């Protein structure tokens, strides 16, 4: 009996098993509601600007549909248009593709108190008007049996799979702000030069 207890406790001391309890980004069971929307926006990367459609959005991020090629970790800016207002949010790509729709998952970076407040107000507006939310993950019973079948058939799943370090941390929020400000200033200077000529 002591051996079983020691093995059980040792399992929960493994870093991969312990991580979700100490890293809020890995706690899928605490995720914020994602509202299904069809918002027009412009996505800007270091080299391109292109129109896109936001298919779902939450306080932490959005899923966008765009023809612009993006890579995991790319820092992007979304200029979201809603009710004659434009909200600019900086984020980075954390997910590519989806089986039904080709698109990208963008996690919002900490853009300061004002940006967080603006996103929260936008999300609260969606809640008040009663927009549909994306279905949550399957209930724990189905989730457990799915995990057990995966473990028995493939041998995978005994330890949780953590995101690789550095895969989604490319570029800090400060670097992204500096990049977009510099780019904006360059565009402004070019426009002045054209007007002066």
C-alpha atoms as a PDB file:
ATOM      1  CA  UNK A   1       0.000   0.000   0.000  1.00  0.00           C
ATOM      2  CA  UNK A   2       2.862   2.395   0.780  1.00  0.00           C
ATOM      3  CA  UNK A   3       4.425   1.700  -2.607  1.00  0.00           C
ATOM      4  CA  UNK A   4       1.166   2.616  -4.395  1.00  0.00           C
ATOM      5  CA  UNK A   5       0.946   5.861  -2.394  1.00  0.00           C
ATOM      6  CA  UNK A   6       4.572   6.739  -3.166  1.00  0.00           C
ATOM      7  CA  UNK A   7       4.071   6.081  -6.904  1.00  0.00           C
ATOM      8  CA  UNK A   8       0.851   8.116  -6.909  1.00  0.00           C
ATOM      9  CA  UNK A   9       2.430  11.095  -5.130  1.00  0.00           C
ATOM     10  CA  UNK A  10       5.586  10.866  -7.278  1.00  0.00           C
ATOM     11  CA  UNK A  11       3.482  11.100 -10.436  1.00  0.00           C
ATOM     12  CA  UNK A  12       2.022  14.414  -9.293  1.00  0.00           C
ATOM     13  CA  UNK A  13       5.489  15.735  -8.452  1.00  0.00           C
ATOM     14  CA  UNK A  14       6.583  15.438 -12.104  1.00  0.00           C
ATOM     15  CA  UNK A  15       6.951  18.867 -13.700  1.00  0.00           C
ATOM     16  CA  UNK A  16       4.677  18.131 -16.667  1.00  0.00           C
ATOM     17  CA  UNK A  17       1.869  16.965 -14.385  1.00  0.00           C
ATOM     18  CA  UNK A  18       2.331  19.791 -11.875  1.00  0.00           C
ATOM     19  CA  UNK A  19       2.595  22.592 -14.474  1.00  0.00           C
ATOM     20  CA  UNK A  20      -1.141  23.244 -15.102  1.00  0.00           C
ATOM     21  CA  UNK A  21      -1.714  23.884 -11.418  1.00  0.00           C
ATOM     22  CA  UNK A  22       0.919  26.649 -11.317  1.00  0.00           C
ATOM     23  CA  UNK A  23       0.648  28.075 -14.852  1.00  0.00           C
ATOM     24  CA  UNK A  24      -2.760  29.669 -15.527  1.00  0.00           C
ATOM     25  CA  UNK A  25      -2.172  29.618 -19.314  1.00  0.00           C
ATOM     26  CA  UNK A  26      -2.300  25.801 -19.244  1.00  0.00           C
ATOM     27  CA  UNK A  27      -5.571  25.505 -17.283  1.00  0.00           C
ATOM     28  CA  UNK A  28      -8.038  24.727 -20.068  1.00  0.00           C
ATOM     29  CA  UNK A  29     -10.816  24.239 -17.525  1.00  0.00           C
ATOM     30  CA  UNK A  30     -10.639  27.933 -16.550  1.00  0.00           C
ATOM     31  CA  UNK A  31     -10.812  29.374 -20.065  1.00  0.00           C
ATOM     32  CA  UNK A  32     -12.860  32.500 -20.729  1.00  0.00           C
ATOM     33  CA  UNK A  33     -15.890  32.221 -23.035  1.00  0.00           C
ATOM     34  CA  UNK A  34     -15.136  32.647 -26.735  1.00  0.00           C
ATOM     35  CA  UNK A  35     -17.812  34.518 -28.671  1.00  0.00           C
ATOM     36  CA  UNK A  36     -18.600  33.489 -32.236  1.00  0.00           C
ATOM     37  CA  UNK A  37     -18.403  36.663 -34.306  1.00  0.00           C
ATOM     38  CA  UNK A  38     -17.798  37.844 -37.859  1.00  0.00           C
ATOM     39  CA  UNK A  39     -15.769  40.984 -37.143  1.00  0.00           C
ATOM     40  CA  UNK A  40     -13.860  42.769 -39.867  1.00  0.00           C
ATOM     41  CA  UNK A  41     -10.287  43.589 -38.925  1.00  0.00           C
ATOM     42  CA  UNK A  42      -6.863  44.285 -40.369  1.00  0.00           C
ATOM     43  CA  UNK A  43      -3.953  42.061 -39.362  1.00  0.00           C
ATOM     44  CA  UNK A  44      -0.476  43.588 -39.559  1.00  0.00           C
ATOM     45  CA  UNK A  45       2.781  41.682 -39.323  1.00  0.00           C
ATOM     46  CA  UNK A  46       6.311  42.992 -39.699  1.00  0.00           C
ATOM     47  CA  UNK A  47       6.008  42.942 -43.485  1.00  0.00           C
ATOM     48  CA  UNK A  48       2.321  42.954 -44.494  1.00  0.00           C
ATOM     49  CA  UNK A  49      -1.114  44.397 -43.767  1.00  0.00           C
ATOM     50  CA  UNK A  50      -4.187  42.475 -44.829  1.00  0.00           C
ATOM     51  CA  UNK A  51      -7.899  42.414 -44.135  1.00  0.00           C
ATOM     52  CA  UNK A  52      -9.098  39.488 -42.059  1.00  0.00           C
ATOM     53  CA  UNK A  53     -12.198  38.206 -40.330  1.00  0.00           C
ATOM     54  CA  UNK A  54     -12.277  37.411 -36.628  1.00  0.00           C
ATOM     55  CA  UNK A  55     -14.317  34.219 -36.206  1.00  0.00           C
ATOM     56  CA  UNK A  56     -14.197  34.021 -32.424  1.00  0.00           C
ATOM     57  CA  UNK A  57     -12.818  36.219 -29.672  1.00  0.00           C
ATOM     58  CA  UNK A  58     -12.288  36.146 -25.914  1.00  0.00           C
ATOM     59  CA  UNK A  59     -10.483  38.323 -23.387  1.00  0.00           C
ATOM     60  CA  UNK A  60      -7.296  36.378 -24.059  1.00  0.00           C
ATOM     61  CA  UNK A  61      -7.238  36.084 -27.828  1.00  0.00           C
ATOM     62  CA  UNK A  62      -8.985  35.560 -31.139  1.00  0.00           C
ATOM     63  CA  UNK A  63      -9.190  33.130 -34.033  1.00  0.00           C
ATOM     64  CA  UNK A  64      -8.741  34.948 -37.349  1.00  0.00           C
ATOM     65  CA  UNK A  65      -9.336  33.898 -40.941  1.00  0.00           C
ATOM     66  CA  UNK A  66      -6.863  35.437 -43.356  1.00  0.00           C
ATOM     67  CA  UNK A  67      -5.018  34.562 -46.537  1.00  0.00           C
ATOM     68  CA  UNK A  68      -1.857  36.143 -45.123  1.00  0.00           C
ATOM     69  CA  UNK A  69       0.724  33.491 -44.206  1.00  0.00           C
ATOM     70  CA  UNK A  70       1.689  33.618 -40.529  1.00  0.00           C
ATOM     71  CA  UNK A  71       4.015  31.453 -38.473  1.00  0.00           C
ATOM     72  CA  UNK A  72       3.794  30.292 -34.878  1.00  0.00           C
ATOM     73  CA  UNK A  73       5.244  33.002 -32.674  1.00  0.00           C
ATOM     74  CA  UNK A  74       4.768  35.848 -35.173  1.00  0.00           C
ATOM     75  CA  UNK A  75       3.872  39.102 -33.441  1.00  0.00           C
ATOM     76  CA  UNK A  76       0.876  40.753 -35.112  1.00  0.00           C
ATOM     77  CA  UNK A  77      -1.400  43.718 -34.564  1.00  0.00           C
ATOM     78  CA  UNK A  78      -5.146  43.405 -35.025  1.00  0.00           C
ATOM     79  CA  UNK A  79      -7.137  46.546 -35.798  1.00  0.00           C
ATOM     80  CA  UNK A  80     -10.668  45.437 -34.928  1.00  0.00           C
ATOM     81  CA  UNK A  81     -13.627  47.439 -36.270  1.00  0.00           C
ATOM     82  CA  UNK A  82     -16.861  47.340 -34.284  1.00  0.00           C
ATOM     83  CA  UNK A  83     -19.675  49.916 -34.135  1.00  0.00           C
ATOM     84  CA  UNK A  84     -17.717  52.764 -35.738  1.00  0.00           C
ATOM     85  CA  UNK A  85     -14.769  52.198 -33.430  1.00  0.00           C
ATOM     86  CA  UNK A  86     -11.389  50.643 -34.030  1.00  0.00           C
ATOM     87  CA  UNK A  87      -9.540  48.762 -31.326  1.00  0.00           C
ATOM     88  CA  UNK A  88      -5.854  47.939 -31.852  1.00  0.00           C
ATOM     89  CA  UNK A  89      -4.479  44.906 -30.056  1.00  0.00           C
ATOM     90  CA  UNK A  90      -1.022  43.332 -30.240  1.00  0.00           C
ATOM     91  CA  UNK A  91      -0.744  39.559 -30.012  1.00  0.00           C
ATOM     92  CA  UNK A  92       1.243  36.598 -31.185  1.00  0.00           C
ATOM     93  CA  UNK A  93       0.262  33.534 -33.188  1.00  0.00           C
ATOM     94  CA  UNK A  94      -0.125  30.473 -30.974  1.00  0.00           C
ATOM     95  CA  UNK A  95      -2.092  28.180 -33.280  1.00  0.00           C
ATOM     96  CA  UNK A  96      -2.167  27.590 -37.045  1.00  0.00           C
ATOM     97  CA  UNK A  97      -5.087  26.096 -38.896  1.00  0.00           C
ATOM     98  CA  UNK A  98      -8.261  24.379 -37.938  1.00  0.00           C
ATOM     99  CA  UNK A  99      -9.849  21.437 -39.677  1.00  0.00           C
ATOM    100  CA  UNK A 100     -12.878  23.336 -41.046  1.00  0.00           C
ATOM    101  CA  UNK A 101     -11.360  26.800 -41.483  1.00  0.00           C
ATOM    102  CA  UNK A 102      -7.828  27.860 -42.311  1.00  0.00           C
ATOM    103  CA  UNK A 103      -6.884  30.501 -39.830  1.00  0.00           C
ATOM    104  CA  UNK A 104      -4.724  31.439 -36.879  1.00  0.00           C
ATOM    105  CA  UNK A 105      -5.128  31.608 -33.135  1.00  0.00           C
ATOM    106  CA  UNK A 106      -3.763  34.884 -31.786  1.00  0.00           C
ATOM    107  CA  UNK A 107      -3.105  35.325 -28.090  1.00  0.00           C
ATOM    108  CA  UNK A 108      -3.268  38.944 -26.976  1.00  0.00           C
ATOM    109  CA  UNK A 109      -0.131  40.297 -25.359  1.00  0.00           C
ATOM    110  CA  UNK A 110      -0.247  42.515 -22.312  1.00  0.00           C
ATOM    111  CA  UNK A 111      -0.833  45.891 -23.926  1.00  0.00           C
ATOM    112  CA  UNK A 112      -1.403  47.772 -20.700  1.00  0.00           C
ATOM    113  CA  UNK A 113      -4.453  48.585 -18.631  1.00  0.00           C
ATOM    114  CA  UNK A 114      -6.256  50.612 -21.318  1.00  0.00           C
ATOM    115  CA  UNK A 115      -6.011  47.825 -23.925  1.00  0.00           C
ATOM    116  CA  UNK A 116      -7.224  45.190 -21.456  1.00  0.00           C
ATOM    117  CA  UNK A 117     -10.130  47.411 -20.456  1.00  0.00           C
ATOM    118  CA  UNK A 118     -11.109  48.011 -24.103  1.00  0.00           C
ATOM    119  CA  UNK A 119     -11.055  44.274 -24.862  1.00  0.00           C
ATOM    120  CA  UNK A 120     -13.062  43.517 -21.717  1.00  0.00           C
ATOM    121  CA  UNK A 121     -15.678  46.148 -22.713  1.00  0.00           C
ATOM    122  CA  UNK A 122     -15.922  44.630 -26.191  1.00  0.00           C
ATOM    123  CA  UNK A 123     -16.404  41.134 -24.737  1.00  0.00           C
ATOM    124  CA  UNK A 124     -18.978  42.413 -22.231  1.00  0.00           C
ATOM    125  CA  UNK A 125     -20.880  43.967 -25.141  1.00  0.00           C
ATOM    126  CA  UNK A 126     -21.011  40.575 -26.851  1.00  0.00           C
ATOM    127  CA  UNK A 127     -22.276  38.981 -23.629  1.00  0.00           C
ATOM    128  CA  UNK A 128     -24.983  41.632 -23.171  1.00  0.00           C
ATOM    129  CA  UNK A 129     -26.306  41.312 -26.723  1.00  0.00           C
ATOM    130  CA  UNK A 130     -26.354  37.530 -26.290  1.00  0.00           C
ATOM    131  CA  UNK A 131     -23.894  36.368 -28.925  1.00  0.00           C
ATOM    132  CA  UNK A 132     -23.373  32.639 -29.137  1.00  0.00           C
ATOM    133  CA  UNK A 133     -20.243  31.238 -27.498  1.00  0.00           C
ATOM    134  CA  UNK A 134     -18.045  28.510 -28.888  1.00  0.00           C
ATOM    135  CA  UNK A 135     -18.839  25.180 -27.244  1.00  0.00           C
ATOM    136  CA  UNK A 136     -16.684  24.414 -24.261  1.00  0.00           C
ATOM    137  CA  UNK A 137     -14.509  21.350 -24.083  1.00  0.00           C
ATOM    138  CA  UNK A 138     -16.242  17.996 -23.665  1.00  0.00           C
ATOM    139  CA  UNK A 139     -17.444  17.100 -20.202  1.00  0.00           C
ATOM    140  CA  UNK A 140     -14.912  15.427 -17.948  1.00  0.00           C
ATOM    141  CA  UNK A 141     -16.361  11.907 -18.363  1.00  0.00           C
ATOM    142  CA  UNK A 142     -15.996  11.954 -22.156  1.00  0.00           C
ATOM    143  CA  UNK A 143     -12.640  13.677 -21.809  1.00  0.00           C
ATOM    144  CA  UNK A 144     -11.404  11.029 -19.365  1.00  0.00           C
ATOM    145  CA  UNK A 145     -12.495   8.102 -21.536  1.00  0.00           C
ATOM    146  CA  UNK A 146     -10.933   9.749 -24.597  1.00  0.00           C
ATOM    147  CA  UNK A 147      -7.667  10.109 -22.687  1.00  0.00           C
ATOM    148  CA  UNK A 148      -7.822   6.483 -21.457  1.00  0.00           C
ATOM    149  CA  UNK A 149      -8.423   5.159 -24.984  1.00  0.00           C
ATOM    150  CA  UNK A 150      -5.532   7.264 -26.328  1.00  0.00           C
ATOM    151  CA  UNK A 151      -3.267   5.977 -23.571  1.00  0.00           C
ATOM    152  CA  UNK A 152      -4.196   2.346 -24.220  1.00  0.00           C
ATOM    153  CA  UNK A 153      -4.045   2.510 -28.019  1.00  0.00           C
ATOM    154  CA  UNK A 154      -1.023   4.765 -28.575  1.00  0.00           C
ATOM    155  CA  UNK A 155       0.783   4.837 -25.239  1.00  0.00           C
ATOM    156  CA  UNK A 156       0.653   8.658 -25.328  1.00  0.00           C
ATOM    157  CA  UNK A 157      -0.955  10.794 -22.681  1.00  0.00           C
ATOM    158  CA  UNK A 158       0.548   9.444 -19.470  1.00  0.00           C
ATOM    159  CA  UNK A 159       2.350  12.767 -19.091  1.00  0.00           C
ATOM    160  CA  UNK A 160       0.687  15.997 -20.232  1.00  0.00           C
ATOM    161  CA  UNK A 161       2.159  17.585 -23.352  1.00  0.00           C
ATOM    162  CA  UNK A 162       3.476  21.046 -22.534  1.00  0.00           C
ATOM    163  CA  UNK A 163       4.091  23.724 -25.156  1.00  0.00           C
ATOM    164  CA  UNK A 164       7.713  23.878 -26.246  1.00  0.00           C
ATOM    165  CA  UNK A 165       9.674  26.704 -24.697  1.00  0.00           C
ATOM    166  CA  UNK A 166      10.221  29.565 -27.097  1.00  0.00           C
ATOM    167  CA  UNK A 167       7.605  28.356 -29.593  1.00  0.00           C
ATOM    168  CA  UNK A 168       5.113  31.046 -28.670  1.00  0.00           C
ATOM    169  CA  UNK A 169       7.305  33.581 -26.896  1.00  0.00           C
ATOM    170  CA  UNK A 170       8.894  35.153 -29.954  1.00  0.00           C
ATOM    171  CA  UNK A 171       9.031  38.886 -29.394  1.00  0.00           C
ATOM    172  CA  UNK A 172       8.053  40.649 -26.216  1.00  0.00           C
ATOM    173  CA  UNK A 173       5.093  43.046 -26.025  1.00  0.00           C
ATOM    174  CA  UNK A 174       7.532  45.940 -25.666  1.00  0.00           C
ATOM    175  CA  UNK A 175       9.405  44.885 -28.825  1.00  0.00           C
ATOM    176  CA  UNK A 176       6.100  44.667 -30.703  1.00  0.00           C
ATOM    177  CA  UNK A 177       5.053  48.152 -29.570  1.00  0.00           C
ATOM    178  CA  UNK A 178       8.417  49.602 -30.567  1.00  0.00           C
ATOM    179  CA  UNK A 179       8.251  47.854 -33.942  1.00  0.00           C
ATOM    180  CA  UNK A 180       4.765  49.181 -34.753  1.00  0.00           C
ATOM    181  CA  UNK A 181       5.565  52.692 -33.505  1.00  0.00           C
ATOM    182  CA  UNK A 182       8.730  52.805 -35.623  1.00  0.00           C
ATOM    183  CA  UNK A 183       6.818  51.547 -38.633  1.00  0.00           C
ATOM    184  CA  UNK A 184       4.085  54.123 -38.073  1.00  0.00           C
ATOM    185  CA  UNK A 185       6.664  56.906 -37.788  1.00  0.00           C
ATOM    186  CA  UNK A 186       8.379  55.745 -41.025  1.00  0.00           C
ATOM    187  CA  UNK A 187       5.044  55.801 -42.869  1.00  0.00           C
ATOM    188  CA  UNK A 188       4.328  59.280 -41.490  1.00  0.00           C
ATOM    189  CA  UNK A 189       7.747  60.529 -42.621  1.00  0.00           C
ATOM    190  CA  UNK A 190       7.235  59.087 -46.137  1.00  0.00           C
ATOM    191  CA  UNK A 191       3.828  60.745 -46.364  1.00  0.00           C
ATOM    192  CA  UNK A 192       5.347  64.106 -45.331  1.00  0.00           C
ATOM    193  CA  UNK A 193       8.090  63.699 -47.954  1.00  0.00           C
ATOM    194  CA  UNK A 194       5.498  62.940 -50.650  1.00  0.00           C
ATOM    195  CA  UNK A 195       3.388  65.946 -49.639  1.00  0.00           C
ATOM    196  CA  UNK A 196       6.441  68.225 -49.594  1.00  0.00           C
ATOM    197  CA  UNK A 197       7.506  67.114 -53.102  1.00  0.00           C
END
